[in-house]
Amino acid sequence: YLFVNETEGTQLSGKEEPEAICRTLAERWPGCCIILTLGTRGAMA
């Protein structure tokens, strides 16, 4: 279970769009649940 905010997600993935961050990290680490927090815009898993 990997918990990241947008800044951390971008640092790890090289992507800026939330869905692209999640998909890139999931492809890199298969089997890991990616949880991305987006502040006032909510969150995604």
Full PDB file with SEQRES, HELIX, SHEET, SSBOND, CRYST1, ORIGX, SCALE, CONECT and MASTER records, all heavy atoms in Angstrom:
SEQRES   1 A   45  TYR LEU PHE VAL ASN GLU THR GLU GLY THR GLN LEU SER          
SEQRES   2 A   45  GLY LYS GLU GLU PRO GLU ALA ILE CYS ARG THR LEU ALA          
SEQRES   3 A   45  GLU ARG TRP PRO GLY CYS CYS ILE ILE LEU THR LEU GLY          
SEQRES   4 A   45  THR ARG GLY ALA MET ALA                                      
HELIX    1 AA1 GLU A    6  SER A   13  1                                   8    
HELIX    2 AA2 PRO A   18  ARG A   28  1                                  11    
HELIX    3 AA3 GLY A   39  ARG A   41  5                                   3    
SHEET    1 AA1 3 LEU A   2  ASN A   5  0                                        
SHEET    2 AA1 3 ILE A  34  THR A  37  1                                        
SHEET    3 AA1 3 ALA A  43  MET A  44 -1                                        
CRYST1    1.000    1.000    1.000  90.00  90.00  90.00 P 1           1          
ORIGX1      1.000000  0.000000  0.000000        0.00000                         
ORIGX2      0.000000  1.000000  0.000000        0.00000                         
ORIGX3      0.000000  0.000000  1.000000        0.00000                         
SCALE1      1.000000  0.000000  0.000000        0.00000                         
SCALE2      0.000000  1.000000  0.000000        0.00000                         
SCALE3      0.000000  0.000000  1.000000        0.00000                         
ATOM      1  N   TYR A   1       0.864  -1.186   0.000  1.00  0.00           N  
ATOM      2  CA  TYR A   1       0.000   0.000   0.000  1.00  0.00           C  
ATOM      3  C   TYR A   1       0.898   1.232   0.000  1.00  0.00           C  
ATOM      4  O   TYR A   1       1.625   1.484   0.961  1.00  0.00           O  
ATOM      5  CB  TYR A   1      -0.907   0.034   1.232  1.00  0.00           C  
ATOM      6  CG  TYR A   1      -1.837  -1.141   1.357  1.00  0.00           C  
ATOM      7  CD1 TYR A   1      -1.501  -2.230   2.156  1.00  0.00           C  
ATOM      8  CD2 TYR A   1      -3.060  -1.170   0.679  1.00  0.00           C  
ATOM      9  CE1 TYR A   1      -2.350  -3.317   2.279  1.00  0.00           C  
ATOM     10  CE2 TYR A   1      -3.907  -2.261   0.786  1.00  0.00           C  
ATOM     11  CZ  TYR A   1      -3.551  -3.332   1.588  1.00  0.00           C  
ATOM     12  OH  TYR A   1      -4.392  -4.416   1.695  1.00  0.00           O  
ATOM     13  N   LEU A   2       0.846   1.996  -1.091  1.00  0.00           N  
ATOM     14  CA  LEU A   2       1.682   3.186  -1.227  1.00  0.00           C  
ATOM     15  C   LEU A   2       0.816   4.432  -1.183  1.00  0.00           C  
ATOM     16  O   LEU A   2      -0.065   4.616  -2.022  1.00  0.00           O  
ATOM     17  CB  LEU A   2       2.458   3.140  -2.552  1.00  0.00           C  
ATOM     18  CG  LEU A   2       3.341   4.360  -2.851  1.00  0.00           C  
ATOM     19  CD1 LEU A   2       4.452   4.500  -1.816  1.00  0.00           C  
ATOM     20  CD2 LEU A   2       3.938   4.263  -4.264  1.00  0.00           C  
ATOM     21  N   PHE A   3       1.055   5.288  -0.189  1.00  0.00           N  
ATOM     22  CA  PHE A   3       0.304   6.526  -0.016  1.00  0.00           C  
ATOM     23  C   PHE A   3       1.164   7.708  -0.458  1.00  0.00           C  
ATOM     24  O   PHE A   3       2.236   7.946   0.109  1.00  0.00           O  
ATOM     25  CB  PHE A   3      -0.078   6.718   1.452  1.00  0.00           C  
ATOM     26  CG  PHE A   3      -1.044   5.694   1.972  1.00  0.00           C  
ATOM     27  CD1 PHE A   3      -0.583   4.479   2.482  1.00  0.00           C  
ATOM     28  CD2 PHE A   3      -2.410   5.933   1.958  1.00  0.00           C  
ATOM     29  CE1 PHE A   3      -1.467   3.519   2.968  1.00  0.00           C  
ATOM     30  CE2 PHE A   3      -3.306   4.977   2.432  1.00  0.00           C  
ATOM     31  CZ  PHE A   3      -2.832   3.772   2.939  1.00  0.00           C  
ATOM     32  N   VAL A   4       0.694   8.444  -1.468  1.00  0.00           N  
ATOM     33  CA  VAL A   4       1.431   9.612  -1.953  1.00  0.00           C  
ATOM     34  C   VAL A   4       0.467  10.766  -2.220  1.00  0.00           C  
ATOM     35  O   VAL A   4      -0.705  10.539  -2.552  1.00  0.00           O  
ATOM     36  CB  VAL A   4       2.222   9.305  -3.244  1.00  0.00           C  
ATOM     37  CG1 VAL A   4       3.394   8.385  -2.970  1.00  0.00           C  
ATOM     38  CG2 VAL A   4       1.322   8.715  -4.321  1.00  0.00           C  
ATOM     39  N   ASN A   5       0.970  11.994  -2.080  1.00  0.00           N  
ATOM     40  CA  ASN A   5       0.216  13.148  -2.565  1.00  0.00           C  
ATOM     41  C   ASN A   5       0.668  13.445  -3.990  1.00  0.00           C  
ATOM     42  O   ASN A   5       1.526  12.732  -4.538  1.00  0.00           O  
ATOM     43  CB  ASN A   5       0.385  14.346  -1.631  1.00  0.00           C  
ATOM     44  CG  ASN A   5       1.838  14.793  -1.484  1.00  0.00           C  
ATOM     45  OD1 ASN A   5       2.668  14.576  -2.369  1.00  0.00           O  
ATOM     46  ND2 ASN A   5       2.148  15.419  -0.361  1.00  0.00           N  
ATOM     47  N   GLU A   6       0.128  14.474  -4.585  1.00  0.00           N  
ATOM     48  CA  GLU A   6       0.445  14.754  -5.992  1.00  0.00           C  
ATOM     49  C   GLU A   6       1.923  15.033  -6.214  1.00  0.00           C  
ATOM     50  O   GLU A   6       2.523  14.573  -7.193  1.00  0.00           O  
ATOM     51  CB  GLU A   6      -0.388  15.935  -6.486  1.00  0.00           C  
ATOM     52  CG  GLU A   6      -1.814  15.572  -6.832  1.00  0.00           C  
ATOM     53  CD  GLU A   6      -2.558  16.726  -7.451  1.00  0.00           C  
ATOM     54  OE1 GLU A   6      -3.057  17.583  -6.683  1.00  0.00           O  
ATOM     55  OE2 GLU A   6      -2.652  16.797  -8.691  1.00  0.00           O  
ATOM     56  N   THR A   7       2.528  15.813  -5.313  1.00  0.00           N  
ATOM     57  CA  THR A   7       3.946  16.157  -5.462  1.00  0.00           C  
ATOM     58  C   THR A   7       4.808  14.905  -5.399  1.00  0.00           C  
ATOM     59  O   THR A   7       5.685  14.692  -6.245  1.00  0.00           O  
ATOM     60  CB  THR A   7       4.374  17.139  -4.364  1.00  0.00           C  
ATOM     61  OG1 THR A   7       3.593  18.339  -4.468  1.00  0.00           O  
ATOM     62  CG2 THR A   7       5.849  17.497  -4.504  1.00  0.00           C  
ATOM     63  N   GLU A   8       4.553  14.062  -4.411  1.00  0.00           N  
ATOM     64  CA  GLU A   8       5.323  12.823  -4.276  1.00  0.00           C  
ATOM     65  C   GLU A   8       5.055  11.881  -5.448  1.00  0.00           C  
ATOM     66  O   GLU A   8       5.971  11.241  -5.960  1.00  0.00           O  
ATOM     67  CB  GLU A   8       4.960  12.147  -2.954  1.00  0.00           C  
ATOM     68  CG  GLU A   8       5.382  12.946  -1.735  1.00  0.00           C  
ATOM     69  CD  GLU A   8       4.554  12.648  -0.489  1.00  0.00           C  
ATOM     70  OE1 GLU A   8       3.566  11.882  -0.597  1.00  0.00           O  
ATOM     71  OE2 GLU A   8       4.885  13.195   0.572  1.00  0.00           O  
ATOM     72  N   GLY A   9       3.799  11.819  -5.877  1.00  0.00           N  
ATOM     73  CA  GLY A   9       3.454  10.976  -7.009  1.00  0.00           C  
ATOM     74  C   GLY A   9       4.173  11.395  -8.279  1.00  0.00           C  
ATOM     75  O   GLY A   9       4.645  10.546  -9.059  1.00  0.00           O  
ATOM     76  N   THR A  10       4.280  12.699  -8.493  1.00  0.00           N  
ATOM     77  CA  THR A  10       4.995  13.213  -9.658  1.00  0.00           C  
ATOM     78  C   THR A  10       6.483  12.917  -9.570  1.00  0.00           C  
ATOM     79  O   THR A  10       7.123  12.538 -10.562  1.00  0.00           O  
ATOM     80  CB  THR A  10       4.766  14.728  -9.797  1.00  0.00           C  
ATOM     81  OG1 THR A  10       3.377  14.968 -10.053  1.00  0.00           O  
ATOM     82  CG2 THR A  10       5.585  15.312 -10.940  1.00  0.00           C  
ATOM     83  N   GLN A  11       7.053  13.069  -8.376  1.00  0.00           N  
ATOM     84  CA  GLN A  11       8.473  12.763  -8.192  1.00  0.00           C  
ATOM     85  C   GLN A  11       8.776  11.309  -8.524  1.00  0.00           C  
ATOM     86  O   GLN A  11       9.818  11.000  -9.103  1.00  0.00           O  
ATOM     87  CB  GLN A  11       8.891  13.056  -6.749  1.00  0.00           C  
ATOM     88  CG  GLN A  11       9.023  14.530  -6.423  1.00  0.00           C  
ATOM     89  CD  GLN A  11       9.386  14.746  -4.962  1.00  0.00           C  
ATOM     90  OE1 GLN A  11       8.528  14.669  -4.077  1.00  0.00           O  
ATOM     91  NE2 GLN A  11      10.645  14.992  -4.702  1.00  0.00           N  
ATOM     92  N   LEU A  12       7.870  10.417  -8.171  1.00  0.00           N  
ATOM     93  CA  LEU A  12       8.111   8.998  -8.396  1.00  0.00           C  
ATOM     94  C   LEU A  12       7.790   8.547  -9.819  1.00  0.00           C  
ATOM     95  O   LEU A  12       8.438   7.651 -10.351  1.00  0.00           O  
ATOM     96  CB  LEU A  12       7.273   8.170  -7.412  1.00  0.00           C  
ATOM     97  CG  LEU A  12       7.715   8.177  -5.954  1.00  0.00           C  
ATOM     98  CD1 LEU A  12       6.691   7.467  -5.081  1.00  0.00           C  
ATOM     99  CD2 LEU A  12       9.081   7.519  -5.800  1.00  0.00           C  
ATOM    100  N   SER A  13       6.776   9.169 -10.417  1.00  0.00           N  
ATOM    101  CA  SER A  13       6.292   8.690 -11.719  1.00  0.00           C  
ATOM    102  C   SER A  13       6.760   9.515 -12.902  1.00  0.00           C  
ATOM    103  O   SER A  13       6.772   9.031 -14.035  1.00  0.00           O  
ATOM    104  CB  SER A  13       4.759   8.673 -11.721  1.00  0.00           C  
ATOM    105  OG  SER A  13       4.246  10.000 -11.678  1.00  0.00           O  
ATOM    106  N   GLY A  14       7.094  10.797 -12.655  1.00  0.00           N  
ATOM    107  CA  GLY A  14       7.412  11.695 -13.755  1.00  0.00           C  
ATOM    108  C   GLY A  14       6.168  12.215 -14.455  1.00  0.00           C  
ATOM    109  O   GLY A  14       6.266  12.925 -15.454  1.00  0.00           O  
ATOM    110  N   LYS A  15       4.996  11.880 -13.942  1.00  0.00           N  
ATOM    111  CA  LYS A  15       3.725  12.312 -14.516  1.00  0.00           C  
ATOM    112  C   LYS A  15       3.079  13.373 -13.622  1.00  0.00           C  
ATOM    113  O   LYS A  15       3.370  13.460 -12.438  1.00  0.00           O  
ATOM    114  CB  LYS A  15       2.760  11.131 -14.675  1.00  0.00           C  
ATOM    115  CG  LYS A  15       3.342   9.937 -15.411  1.00  0.00           C  
ATOM    116  CD  LYS A  15       3.625  10.252 -16.866  1.00  0.00           C  
ATOM    117  CE  LYS A  15       4.136   9.006 -17.587  1.00  0.00           C  
ATOM    118  NZ  LYS A  15       4.441   9.264 -19.025  1.00  0.00           N  
ATOM    119  N   GLU A  16       2.182  14.166 -14.213  1.00  0.00           N  
ATOM    120  CA  GLU A  16       1.499  15.197 -13.438  1.00  0.00           C  
ATOM    121  C   GLU A  16       0.001  14.957 -13.327  1.00  0.00           C  
ATOM    122  O   GLU A  16      -0.630  15.390 -12.354  1.00  0.00           O  
ATOM    123  CB  GLU A  16       1.758  16.578 -14.054  1.00  0.00           C  
ATOM    124  CG  GLU A  16       3.219  17.004 -13.975  1.00  0.00           C  
ATOM    125  CD  GLU A  16       3.434  18.426 -14.439  1.00  0.00           C  
ATOM    126  OE1 GLU A  16       2.451  19.074 -14.852  1.00  0.00           O  
ATOM    127  OE2 GLU A  16       4.588  18.893 -14.381  1.00  0.00           O  
ATOM    128  N   GLU A  17      -0.597  14.296 -14.288  1.00  0.00           N  
ATOM    129  CA  GLU A  17      -2.030  14.041 -14.259  1.00  0.00           C  
ATOM    130  C   GLU A  17      -2.297  12.882 -13.301  1.00  0.00           C  
ATOM    131  O   GLU A  17      -1.614  11.854 -13.350  1.00  0.00           O  
ATOM    132  CB  GLU A  17      -2.508  13.711 -15.671  1.00  0.00           C  
ATOM    133  CG  GLU A  17      -4.019  13.801 -15.861  1.00  0.00           C  
ATOM    134  CD  GLU A  17      -4.701  12.517 -15.439  1.00  0.00           C  
ATOM    135  OE1 GLU A  17      -4.115  11.442 -15.647  1.00  0.00           O  
ATOM    136  OE2 GLU A  17      -5.825  12.596 -14.893  1.00  0.00           O  
ATOM    137  N   PRO A  18      -3.272  13.024 -12.391  1.00  0.00           N  
ATOM    138  CA  PRO A  18      -3.488  12.024 -11.340  1.00  0.00           C  
ATOM    139  C   PRO A  18      -3.624  10.586 -11.828  1.00  0.00           C  
ATOM    140  O   PRO A  18      -2.990   9.673 -11.287  1.00  0.00           O  
ATOM    141  CB  PRO A  18      -4.764  12.516 -10.657  1.00  0.00           C  
ATOM    142  CG  PRO A  18      -4.718  13.996 -10.814  1.00  0.00           C  
ATOM    143  CD  PRO A  18      -4.142  14.212 -12.189  1.00  0.00           C  
ATOM    144  N   GLU A  19      -4.463  10.348 -12.847  1.00  0.00           N  
ATOM    145  CA  GLU A  19      -4.632   8.973 -13.321  1.00  0.00           C  
ATOM    146  C   GLU A  19      -3.338   8.428 -13.900  1.00  0.00           C  
ATOM    147  O   GLU A  19      -3.012   7.246 -13.717  1.00  0.00           O  
ATOM    148  CB  GLU A  19      -5.753   8.900 -14.349  1.00  0.00           C  
ATOM    149  CG  GLU A  19      -7.138   9.043 -13.745  1.00  0.00           C  
ATOM    150  CD  GLU A  19      -8.224   8.505 -14.669  1.00  0.00           C  
ATOM    151  OE1 GLU A  19      -7.882   7.800 -15.645  1.00  0.00           O  
ATOM    152  OE2 GLU A  19      -9.406   8.773 -14.401  1.00  0.00           O  
ATOM    153  N   ALA A  20      -2.583   9.289 -14.565  1.00  0.00           N  
ATOM    154  CA  ALA A  20      -1.310   8.861 -15.145  1.00  0.00           C  
ATOM    155  C   ALA A  20      -0.309   8.517 -14.045  1.00  0.00           C  
ATOM    156  O   ALA A  20       0.476   7.563 -14.182  1.00  0.00           O  
ATOM    157  CB  ALA A  20      -0.746   9.956 -16.047  1.00  0.00           C  
ATOM    158  N   ILE A  21      -0.325   9.269 -12.952  1.00  0.00           N  
ATOM    159  CA  ILE A  21       0.539   8.960 -11.810  1.00  0.00           C  
ATOM    160  C   ILE A  21       0.229   7.560 -11.299  1.00  0.00           C  
ATOM    161  O   ILE A  21       1.122   6.726 -11.130  1.00  0.00           O  
ATOM    162  CB  ILE A  21       0.348   9.998 -10.683  1.00  0.00           C  
ATOM    163  CG1 ILE A  21       0.900  11.355 -11.102  1.00  0.00           C  
ATOM    164  CG2 ILE A  21       1.029   9.521  -9.396  1.00  0.00           C  
ATOM    165  CD1 ILE A  21       0.601  12.476 -10.109  1.00  0.00           C  
ATOM    166  N   CYS A  22      -1.048   7.299 -11.038  1.00  0.00           N  
ATOM    167  CA  CYS A  22      -1.458   6.002 -10.488  1.00  0.00           C  
ATOM    168  C   CYS A  22      -1.108   4.846 -11.418  1.00  0.00           C  
ATOM    169  O   CYS A  22      -0.542   3.830 -10.987  1.00  0.00           O  
ATOM    170  CB  CYS A  22      -2.959   6.003 -10.207  1.00  0.00           C  
ATOM    171  SG  CYS A  22      -3.462   7.066  -8.848  1.00  0.00           S  
ATOM    172  N   ARG A  23      -1.439   4.986 -12.690  1.00  0.00           N  
ATOM    173  CA  ARG A  23      -1.202   3.897 -13.632  1.00  0.00           C  
ATOM    174  C   ARG A  23       0.301   3.643 -13.823  1.00  0.00           C  
ATOM    175  O   ARG A  23       0.736   2.484 -13.907  1.00  0.00           O  
ATOM    176  CB  ARG A  23      -1.855   4.211 -14.970  1.00  0.00           C  
ATOM    177  CG  ARG A  23      -3.385   4.245 -14.895  1.00  0.00           C  
ATOM    178  CD  ARG A  23      -4.015   4.496 -16.247  1.00  0.00           C  
ATOM    179  NE  ARG A  23      -5.450   4.703 -16.134  1.00  0.00           N  
ATOM    180  CZ  ARG A  23      -6.349   3.727 -16.022  1.00  0.00           C  
ATOM    181  NH1 ARG A  23      -5.931   2.461 -16.025  1.00  0.00           N  
ATOM    182  NH2 ARG A  23      -7.639   3.997 -15.916  1.00  0.00           N  
ATOM    183  N   THR A  24       1.083   4.706 -13.873  1.00  0.00           N  
ATOM    184  CA  THR A  24       2.527   4.547 -14.044  1.00  0.00           C  
ATOM    185  C   THR A  24       3.157   3.823 -12.865  1.00  0.00           C  
ATOM    186  O   THR A  24       3.964   2.901 -13.036  1.00  0.00           O  
ATOM    187  CB  THR A  24       3.195   5.925 -14.218  1.00  0.00           C  
ATOM    188  OG1 THR A  24       2.662   6.569 -15.391  1.00  0.00           O  
ATOM    189  CG2 THR A  24       4.711   5.786 -14.363  1.00  0.00           C  
ATOM    190  N   LEU A  25       2.770   4.211 -11.656  1.00  0.00           N  
ATOM    191  CA  LEU A  25       3.325   3.570 -10.462  1.00  0.00           C  
ATOM    192  C   LEU A  25       2.865   2.122 -10.346  1.00  0.00           C  
ATOM    193  O   LEU A  25       3.642   1.244  -9.948  1.00  0.00           O  
ATOM    194  CB  LEU A  25       2.929   4.364  -9.212  1.00  0.00           C  
ATOM    195  CG  LEU A  25       3.460   5.801  -9.135  1.00  0.00           C  
ATOM    196  CD1 LEU A  25       3.041   6.458  -7.828  1.00  0.00           C  
ATOM    197  CD2 LEU A  25       4.987   5.825  -9.268  1.00  0.00           C  
ATOM    198  N   ALA A  26       1.616   1.862 -10.705  1.00  0.00           N  
ATOM    199  CA  ALA A  26       1.097   0.497 -10.640  1.00  0.00           C  
ATOM    200  C   ALA A  26       1.786  -0.413 -11.662  1.00  0.00           C  
ATOM    201  O   ALA A  26       2.019  -1.596 -11.400  1.00  0.00           O  
ATOM    202  CB  ALA A  26      -0.408   0.499 -10.867  1.00  0.00           C  
ATOM    203  N   GLU A  27       2.107   0.133 -12.814  1.00  0.00           N  
ATOM    204  CA  GLU A  27       2.824  -0.644 -13.824  1.00  0.00           C  
ATOM    205  C   GLU A  27       4.254  -0.937 -13.367  1.00  0.00           C  
ATOM    206  O   GLU A  27       4.798  -2.011 -13.630  1.00  0.00           O  
ATOM    207  CB  GLU A  27       2.844   0.117 -15.150  1.00  0.00           C  
ATOM    208  CG  GLU A  27       1.487   0.165 -15.848  1.00  0.00           C  
ATOM    209  CD  GLU A  27       1.493   1.069 -17.071  1.00  0.00           C  
ATOM    210  OE1 GLU A  27       2.590   1.583 -17.417  1.00  0.00           O  
ATOM    211  OE2 GLU A  27       0.421   1.270 -17.677  1.00  0.00           O  
ATOM    212  N   ARG A  28       4.845   0.028 -12.669  1.00  0.00           N  
ATOM    213  CA  ARG A  28       6.219  -0.146 -12.196  1.00  0.00           C  
ATOM    214  C   ARG A  28       6.301  -1.153 -11.068  1.00  0.00           C  
ATOM    215  O   ARG A  28       7.241  -1.927 -10.974  1.00  0.00           O  
ATOM    216  CB  ARG A  28       6.776   1.204 -11.730  1.00  0.00           C  
ATOM    217  CG  ARG A  28       8.253   1.180 -11.352  1.00  0.00           C  
ATOM    218  CD  ARG A  28       8.743   2.576 -11.028  1.00  0.00           C  
ATOM    219  NE  ARG A  28       8.532   3.478 -12.147  1.00  0.00           N  
ATOM    220  CZ  ARG A  28       8.643   4.803 -12.070  1.00  0.00           C  
ATOM    221  NH1 ARG A  28       8.929   5.375 -10.913  1.00  0.00           N  
ATOM    222  NH2 ARG A  28       8.442   5.555 -13.135  1.00  0.00           N  
ATOM    223  N   TRP A  29       5.279  -1.124 -10.177  1.00  0.00           N  
ATOM    224  CA  TRP A  29       5.278  -2.023  -9.016  1.00  0.00           C  
ATOM    225  C   TRP A  29       3.973  -2.818  -8.991  1.00  0.00           C  
ATOM    226  O   TRP A  29       3.050  -2.528  -8.221  1.00  0.00           O  
ATOM    227  CB  TRP A  29       5.458  -1.218  -7.729  1.00  0.00           C  
ATOM    228  CG  TRP A  29       6.726  -0.414  -7.752  1.00  0.00           C  
ATOM    229  CD1 TRP A  29       7.993  -0.880  -7.944  1.00  0.00           C  
ATOM    230  CD2 TRP A  29       6.843   1.004  -7.607  1.00  0.00           C  
ATOM    231  NE1 TRP A  29       8.900   0.157  -7.915  1.00  0.00           N  
ATOM    232  CE2 TRP A  29       8.230   1.331  -7.704  1.00  0.00           C  
ATOM    233  CE3 TRP A  29       5.936   2.042  -7.378  1.00  0.00           C  
ATOM    234  CZ2 TRP A  29       8.704   2.630  -7.600  1.00  0.00           C  
ATOM    235  CZ3 TRP A  29       6.403   3.339  -7.272  1.00  0.00           C  
ATOM    236  CH2 TRP A  29       7.773   3.622  -7.385  1.00  0.00           C  
ATOM    237  N   PRO A  30       3.863  -3.849  -9.827  1.00  0.00           N  
ATOM    238  CA  PRO A  30       2.641  -4.660  -9.899  1.00  0.00           C  
ATOM    239  C   PRO A  30       2.302  -5.258  -8.534  1.00  0.00           C  
ATOM    240  O   PRO A  30       3.182  -5.680  -7.794  1.00  0.00           O  
ATOM    241  CB  PRO A  30       3.013  -5.752 -10.908  1.00  0.00           C  
ATOM    242  CG  PRO A  30       4.130  -5.179 -11.698  1.00  0.00           C  
ATOM    243  CD  PRO A  30       4.899  -4.316 -10.766  1.00  0.00           C  
ATOM    244  N   GLY A  31       1.025  -5.282  -8.232  1.00  0.00           N  
ATOM    245  CA  GLY A  31       0.587  -5.827  -6.952  1.00  0.00           C  
ATOM    246  C   GLY A  31       0.489  -4.812  -5.848  1.00  0.00           C  
ATOM    247  O   GLY A  31      -0.012  -5.107  -4.762  1.00  0.00           O  
ATOM    248  N   CYS A  32       0.985  -3.595  -6.112  1.00  0.00           N  
ATOM    249  CA  CYS A  32       0.922  -2.525  -5.111  1.00  0.00           C  
ATOM    250  C   CYS A  32      -0.343  -1.701  -5.321  1.00  0.00           C  
ATOM    251  O   CYS A  32      -0.664  -1.302  -6.440  1.00  0.00           O  
ATOM    252  CB  CYS A  32       2.148  -1.621  -5.229  1.00  0.00           C  
ATOM    253  SG  CYS A  32       2.179  -0.252  -4.041  1.00  0.00           S  
ATOM    254  N   CYS A  33      -1.075  -1.453  -4.241  1.00  0.00           N  
ATOM    255  CA  CYS A  33      -2.236  -0.557  -4.294  1.00  0.00           C  
ATOM    256  C   CYS A  33      -1.741   0.870  -4.143  1.00  0.00           C  
ATOM    257  O   CYS A  33      -1.101   1.212  -3.138  1.00  0.00           O  
ATOM    258  CB  CYS A  33      -3.219  -0.908  -3.182  1.00  0.00           C  
ATOM    259  SG  CYS A  33      -4.656   0.193  -3.083  1.00  0.00           S  
ATOM    260  N   ILE A  34      -2.024   1.707  -5.128  1.00  0.00           N  
ATOM    261  CA  ILE A  34      -1.577   3.106  -5.113  1.00  0.00           C  
ATOM    262  C   ILE A  34      -2.716   3.979  -4.596  1.00  0.00           C  
ATOM    263  O   ILE A  34      -3.814   3.993  -5.166  1.00  0.00           O  
ATOM    264  CB  ILE A  34      -1.174   3.578  -6.526  1.00  0.00           C  
ATOM    265  CG1 ILE A  34      -0.213   2.581  -7.188  1.00  0.00           C  
ATOM    266  CG2 ILE A  34      -0.589   4.981  -6.460  1.00  0.00           C  
ATOM    267  CD1 ILE A  34       1.095   2.389  -6.468  1.00  0.00           C  
ATOM    268  N   ILE A  35      -2.464   4.725  -3.537  1.00  0.00           N  
ATOM    269  CA  ILE A  35      -3.462   5.644  -2.988  1.00  0.00           C  
ATOM    270  C   ILE A  35      -2.917   7.062  -3.132  1.00  0.00           C  
ATOM    271  O   ILE A  35      -1.874   7.390  -2.568  1.00  0.00           O  
ATOM    272  CB  ILE A  35      -3.770   5.337  -1.504  1.00  0.00           C  
ATOM    273  CG1 ILE A  35      -4.237   3.887  -1.346  1.00  0.00           C  
ATOM    274  CG2 ILE A  35      -4.847   6.300  -0.989  1.00  0.00           C  
ATOM    275  CD1 ILE A  35      -3.151   2.951  -0.881  1.00  0.00           C  
ATOM    276  N   LEU A  36      -3.611   7.871  -3.916  1.00  0.00           N  
ATOM    277  CA  LEU A  36      -3.166   9.228  -4.237  1.00  0.00           C  
ATOM    278  C   LEU A  36      -4.129  10.241  -3.637  1.00  0.00           C  
ATOM    279  O   LEU A  36      -5.324  10.233  -3.932  1.00  0.00           O  
ATOM    280  CB  LEU A  36      -3.104   9.411  -5.754  1.00  0.00           C  
ATOM    281  CG  LEU A  36      -2.720  10.804  -6.288  1.00  0.00           C  
ATOM    282  CD1 LEU A  36      -1.269  11.137  -5.916  1.00  0.00           C  
ATOM    283  CD2 LEU A  36      -2.904  10.871  -7.802  1.00  0.00           C  
ATOM    284  N   THR A  37      -3.602  11.120  -2.782  1.00  0.00           N  
ATOM    285  CA  THR A  37      -4.435  12.168  -2.191  1.00  0.00           C  
ATOM    286  C   THR A  37      -4.293  13.450  -3.004  1.00  0.00           C  
ATOM    287  O   THR A  37      -3.201  13.804  -3.450  1.00  0.00           O  
ATOM    288  CB  THR A  37      -4.055  12.428  -0.728  1.00  0.00           C  
ATOM    289  OG1 THR A  37      -2.663  12.751  -0.628  1.00  0.00           O  
ATOM    290  CG2 THR A  37      -4.340  11.200   0.119  1.00  0.00           C  
ATOM    291  N   LEU A  38      -5.431  14.140  -3.181  1.00  0.00           N  
ATOM    292  CA  LEU A  38      -5.482  15.294  -4.081  1.00  0.00           C  
ATOM    293  C   LEU A  38      -5.988  16.565  -3.379  1.00  0.00           C  
ATOM    294  O   LEU A  38      -6.490  17.465  -4.027  1.00  0.00           O  
ATOM    295  CB  LEU A  38      -6.394  14.975  -5.268  1.00  0.00           C  
ATOM    296  CG  LEU A  38      -6.001  13.746  -6.098  1.00  0.00           C  
ATOM    297  CD1 LEU A  38      -7.125  13.357  -7.032  1.00  0.00           C  
ATOM    298  CD2 LEU A  38      -4.718  14.009  -6.865  1.00  0.00           C  
ATOM    299  N   GLY A  39      -5.870  16.630  -2.065  1.00  0.00           N  
ATOM    300  CA  GLY A  39      -6.308  17.816  -1.346  1.00  0.00           C  
ATOM    301  C   GLY A  39      -7.805  18.034  -1.475  1.00  0.00           C  
ATOM    302  O   GLY A  39      -8.609  17.124  -1.269  1.00  0.00           O  
ATOM    303  N   THR A  40      -8.180  19.236  -1.852  1.00  0.00           N  
ATOM    304  CA  THR A  40      -9.598  19.575  -1.961  1.00  0.00           C  
ATOM    305  C   THR A  40     -10.290  18.862  -3.116  1.00  0.00           C  
ATOM    306  O   THR A  40     -11.519  18.881  -3.205  1.00  0.00           O  
ATOM    307  CB  THR A  40      -9.776  21.090  -2.126  1.00  0.00           C  
ATOM    308  OG1 THR A  40      -9.053  21.524  -3.294  1.00  0.00           O  
ATOM    309  CG2 THR A  40      -9.253  21.836  -0.908  1.00  0.00           C  
ATOM    310  N   ARG A  41      -9.511  18.205  -3.987  1.00  0.00           N  
ATOM    311  CA  ARG A  41     -10.092  17.464  -5.114  1.00  0.00           C  
ATOM    312  C   ARG A  41     -10.308  15.993  -4.783  1.00  0.00           C  
ATOM    313  O   ARG A  41     -10.666  15.213  -5.650  1.00  0.00           O  
ATOM    314  CB  ARG A  41      -9.225  17.632  -6.351  1.00  0.00           C  
ATOM    315  CG  ARG A  41      -9.270  19.054  -6.926  1.00  0.00           C  
ATOM    316  CD  ARG A  41      -8.378  19.199  -8.139  1.00  0.00           C  
ATOM    317  NE  ARG A  41      -6.966  19.143  -7.775  1.00  0.00           N  
ATOM    318  CZ  ARG A  41      -6.088  18.304  -8.303  1.00  0.00           C  
ATOM    319  NH1 ARG A  41      -6.467  17.425  -9.210  1.00  0.00           N  
ATOM    320  NH2 ARG A  41      -4.827  18.331  -7.931  1.00  0.00           N  
ATOM    321  N   GLY A  42     -10.076  15.635  -3.532  1.00  0.00           N  
ATOM    322  CA  GLY A  42     -10.385  14.282  -3.108  1.00  0.00           C  
ATOM    323  C   GLY A  42      -9.202  13.344  -3.133  1.00  0.00           C  
ATOM    324  O   GLY A  42      -8.070  13.721  -2.812  1.00  0.00           O  
ATOM    325  N   ALA A  43      -9.447  12.098  -3.531  1.00  0.00           N  
ATOM    326  CA  ALA A  43      -8.408  11.074  -3.527  1.00  0.00           C  
ATOM    327  C   ALA A  43      -8.789   9.980  -4.519  1.00  0.00           C  
ATOM    328  O   ALA A  43      -9.921   9.917  -4.999  1.00  0.00           O  
ATOM    329  CB  ALA A  43      -8.259  10.478  -2.129  1.00  0.00           C  
ATOM    330  N   MET A  44      -7.831   9.125  -4.833  1.00  0.00           N  
ATOM    331  CA  MET A  44      -8.114   7.980  -5.697  1.00  0.00           C  
ATOM    332  C   MET A  44      -7.233   6.804  -5.302  1.00  0.00           C  
ATOM    333  O   MET A  44      -6.169   6.987  -4.697  1.00  0.00           O  
ATOM    334  CB  MET A  44      -7.917   8.322  -7.176  1.00  0.00           C  
ATOM    335  CG  MET A  44      -6.573   8.890  -7.533  1.00  0.00           C  
ATOM    336  SD  MET A  44      -6.412   9.190  -9.344  1.00  0.00           S  
ATOM    337  CE  MET A  44      -7.844  10.184  -9.679  1.00  0.00           C  
ATOM    338  N   ALA A  45      -7.720   5.627  -5.623  1.00  0.00           N  
ATOM    339  CA  ALA A  45      -6.952   4.402  -5.377  1.00  0.00           C  
ATOM    340  C   ALA A  45      -6.940   3.578  -6.657  1.00  0.00           C  
ATOM    341  O   ALA A  45      -7.971   3.435  -7.323  1.00  0.00           O  
ATOM    342  CB  ALA A  45      -7.569   3.601  -4.235  1.00  0.00           C  
TER     343      ALA A  45                                                      
MASTER        0    0    0    3    3    0    0    6  342    1    0    4          
END                                                                             
